[in-house]
Amino acid sequence: MQKLFQDFDSLTIPTSAFIIFESDDFKEHAIDYEGKGTILGDEMVFRDASEPTDIIWENRHFTRA
């Protein structure tokens, strides 16, 4: 266990991030990005996120109001 804490920094390097853009145009620009930027030494790659699937539709209801 002590060895894991010694290597904590190397074990906790972020590998991905979710980015929220203000408009679809900015998102499309990022997805089409072909530059040579890097983050933490790795090449930047942008992909479109999938639609959320964690909505429990049974709990959604609509009223006349």
N, C-alpha and C. Protein backbone atom coordinates (compact mmCIF):
# COMPACT_ATOMS: atom_id res chain seq x y z
N MET A 1 0.83 -1.18 0.00
CA MET A 1 0.00 0.00 0.00
C MET A 1 0.88 1.25 0.00
N GLN A 2 1.94 1.22 0.76
CA GLN A 2 2.83 2.38 0.82
C GLN A 2 3.43 2.68 -0.55
N LYS A 3 3.75 1.65 -1.33
CA LYS A 3 4.32 1.84 -2.66
C LYS A 3 3.33 2.58 -3.57
N LEU A 4 2.03 2.26 -3.46
CA LEU A 4 1.03 2.96 -4.26
C LEU A 4 1.02 4.46 -3.96
N PHE A 5 1.13 4.82 -2.70
CA PHE A 5 1.13 6.23 -2.34
C PHE A 5 2.39 6.94 -2.84
N GLN A 6 3.50 6.22 -2.94
CA GLN A 6 4.72 6.82 -3.48
C GLN A 6 4.56 7.11 -4.97
N ASP A 7 3.81 6.28 -5.69
CA ASP A 7 3.59 6.45 -7.13
C ASP A 7 2.28 7.18 -7.42
N PHE A 8 1.70 7.86 -6.44
CA PHE A 8 0.38 8.48 -6.58
C PHE A 8 0.32 9.44 -7.76
N ASP A 9 1.33 10.29 -7.93
CA ASP A 9 1.31 11.27 -9.03
C ASP A 9 1.28 10.60 -10.39
N SER A 10 2.01 9.51 -10.55
CA SER A 10 2.01 8.83 -11.85
C SER A 10 0.72 8.04 -12.08
N LEU A 11 0.00 7.70 -11.03
CA LEU A 11 -1.24 6.94 -11.16
C LEU A 11 -2.46 7.84 -11.37
N THR A 12 -2.33 9.13 -11.13
CA THR A 12 -3.48 10.02 -11.19
C THR A 12 -3.37 11.06 -12.30
N ILE A 13 -2.80 10.70 -13.43
CA ILE A 13 -2.69 11.60 -14.57
C ILE A 13 -4.01 11.59 -15.33
N PRO A 14 -4.63 12.76 -15.56
CA PRO A 14 -5.89 12.77 -16.30
C PRO A 14 -5.68 12.32 -17.74
N THR A 15 -6.63 11.55 -18.26
CA THR A 15 -6.51 11.04 -19.63
C THR A 15 -7.57 11.58 -20.56
N SER A 16 -8.62 12.19 -20.03
CA SER A 16 -9.66 12.76 -20.88
C SER A 16 -10.41 13.84 -20.11
N ALA A 17 -11.15 14.66 -20.86
CA ALA A 17 -11.92 15.74 -20.25
C ALA A 17 -13.18 15.96 -21.06
N PHE A 18 -14.22 16.38 -20.40
CA PHE A 18 -15.46 16.78 -21.08
C PHE A 18 -15.47 18.30 -21.15
N ILE A 19 -15.68 18.82 -22.34
CA ILE A 19 -15.67 20.27 -22.56
C ILE A 19 -17.04 20.69 -23.04
N ILE A 20 -17.57 21.75 -22.45
CA ILE A 20 -18.87 22.27 -22.86
C ILE A 20 -18.62 23.56 -23.65
N PHE A 21 -19.09 23.59 -24.90
CA PHE A 21 -18.92 24.76 -25.75
C PHE A 21 -20.18 25.61 -25.72
N GLU A 22 -20.03 26.90 -25.98
CA GLU A 22 -21.17 27.81 -25.98
C GLU A 22 -22.06 27.64 -27.20
N SER A 23 -21.53 27.10 -28.29
CA SER A 23 -22.35 26.89 -29.47
C SER A 23 -21.85 25.66 -30.23
N ASP A 24 -22.70 25.15 -31.12
CA ASP A 24 -22.31 24.01 -31.93
C ASP A 24 -21.18 24.36 -32.89
N ASP A 25 -21.08 25.62 -33.29
CA ASP A 25 -19.99 26.02 -34.19
C ASP A 25 -18.63 25.81 -33.54
N PHE A 26 -18.51 26.16 -32.26
CA PHE A 26 -17.24 25.97 -31.55
C PHE A 26 -16.93 24.48 -31.42
N LYS A 27 -17.95 23.68 -31.16
CA LYS A 27 -17.76 22.23 -31.05
C LYS A 27 -17.26 21.66 -32.37
N GLU A 28 -17.90 22.05 -33.47
CA GLU A 28 -17.49 21.54 -34.78
C GLU A 28 -16.06 21.97 -35.11
N HIS A 29 -15.70 23.19 -34.73
CA HIS A 29 -14.34 23.66 -34.97
C HIS A 29 -13.34 22.78 -34.20
N ALA A 30 -13.65 22.45 -32.96
CA ALA A 30 -12.75 21.60 -32.17
C ALA A 30 -12.65 20.20 -32.77
N ILE A 31 -13.77 19.62 -33.20
CA ILE A 31 -13.74 18.28 -33.77
C ILE A 31 -12.92 18.25 -35.05
N ASP A 32 -12.97 19.33 -35.85
CA ASP A 32 -12.22 19.41 -37.10
C ASP A 32 -10.78 19.87 -36.90
N TYR A 33 -10.36 20.09 -35.65
CA TYR A 33 -9.02 20.60 -35.34
C TYR A 33 -7.96 19.64 -35.85
N GLU A 34 -7.00 20.18 -36.60
CA GLU A 34 -5.91 19.36 -37.12
C GLU A 34 -4.55 19.94 -36.73
N GLY A 35 -4.52 20.72 -35.67
CA GLY A 35 -3.27 21.33 -35.22
C GLY A 35 -2.37 20.32 -34.53
N LYS A 36 -1.31 20.83 -33.96
CA LYS A 36 -0.35 19.96 -33.31
C LYS A 36 -0.23 20.29 -31.82
N GLY A 37 -1.32 20.69 -31.21
CA GLY A 37 -1.29 21.02 -29.80
C GLY A 37 -1.16 19.78 -28.93
N THR A 38 -0.56 19.95 -27.77
CA THR A 38 -0.41 18.84 -26.83
C THR A 38 -0.88 19.28 -25.45
N ILE A 39 -1.31 18.29 -24.70
CA ILE A 39 -1.68 18.48 -23.30
C ILE A 39 -0.97 17.39 -22.51
N LEU A 40 -0.19 17.79 -21.52
CA LEU A 40 0.59 16.85 -20.71
C LEU A 40 1.43 15.92 -21.57
N GLY A 41 1.92 16.42 -22.70
CA GLY A 41 2.79 15.64 -23.56
C GLY A 41 2.08 14.77 -24.58
N ASP A 42 0.76 14.70 -24.54
CA ASP A 42 0.00 13.89 -25.49
C ASP A 42 -0.72 14.79 -26.49
N GLU A 43 -0.92 14.29 -27.72
CA GLU A 43 -1.60 15.04 -28.75
C GLU A 43 -3.07 15.25 -28.38
N MET A 44 -3.60 16.44 -28.67
CA MET A 44 -5.01 16.72 -28.41
C MET A 44 -5.87 16.06 -29.47
N VAL A 45 -6.90 15.36 -29.04
CA VAL A 45 -7.86 14.72 -29.93
C VAL A 45 -9.25 15.07 -29.41
N PHE A 46 -10.11 15.59 -30.29
CA PHE A 46 -11.47 15.95 -29.90
C PHE A 46 -12.45 15.01 -30.57
N ARG A 47 -13.42 14.51 -29.81
CA ARG A 47 -14.47 13.65 -30.34
C ARG A 47 -15.81 14.12 -29.80
N ASP A 48 -16.84 13.93 -30.59
CA ASP A 48 -18.19 14.29 -30.17
C ASP A 48 -18.67 13.28 -29.12
N ALA A 49 -19.26 13.77 -28.06
CA ALA A 49 -19.76 12.89 -27.01
C ALA A 49 -21.06 12.23 -27.47
N SER A 50 -21.32 11.04 -26.97
CA SER A 50 -22.57 10.37 -27.29
C SER A 50 -23.71 11.02 -26.51
N GLU A 51 -24.91 10.75 -26.95
CA GLU A 51 -26.08 11.27 -26.25
C GLU A 51 -26.17 10.62 -24.87
N PRO A 52 -26.66 11.36 -23.89
CA PRO A 52 -26.76 10.77 -22.55
C PRO A 52 -27.74 9.60 -22.53
N THR A 53 -27.36 8.55 -21.84
CA THR A 53 -28.23 7.37 -21.74
C THR A 53 -28.61 7.07 -20.30
N ASP A 54 -28.28 7.98 -19.40
CA ASP A 54 -28.57 7.71 -17.99
C ASP A 54 -29.88 8.33 -17.51
N ILE A 55 -30.72 8.75 -18.43
CA ILE A 55 -32.03 9.32 -18.06
C ILE A 55 -32.99 8.18 -17.77
N ILE A 56 -33.62 8.22 -16.64
CA ILE A 56 -34.62 7.21 -16.29
C ILE A 56 -35.96 7.75 -16.80
N TRP A 57 -36.38 7.29 -17.96
CA TRP A 57 -37.56 7.84 -18.62
C TRP A 57 -38.83 7.58 -17.84
N GLU A 58 -38.86 6.53 -17.03
CA GLU A 58 -40.06 6.24 -16.24
C GLU A 58 -40.34 7.34 -15.22
N ASN A 59 -39.30 8.06 -14.80
CA ASN A 59 -39.47 9.11 -13.80
C ASN A 59 -39.81 10.47 -14.42
N ARG A 60 -39.88 10.56 -15.71
CA ARG A 60 -40.22 11.80 -16.40
C ARG A 60 -41.72 11.81 -16.68
N HIS A 61 -42.38 12.87 -16.31
CA HIS A 61 -43.81 12.96 -16.59
C HIS A 61 -44.17 14.42 -16.88
N PHE A 62 -45.27 14.59 -17.56
CA PHE A 62 -45.72 15.91 -17.94
C PHE A 62 -47.12 16.14 -17.37
N THR A 63 -47.34 17.36 -16.92
CA THR A 63 -48.66 17.72 -16.41
C THR A 63 -49.26 18.79 -17.33
N ARG A 64 -50.52 19.09 -17.15
CA ARG A 64 -51.17 20.12 -17.96
C ARG A 64 -50.57 21.49 -17.69
N ALA A 65 -50.00 21.71 -16.55
CA ALA A 65 -49.41 23.00 -16.20
C ALA A 65 -48.18 23.19 -17.02
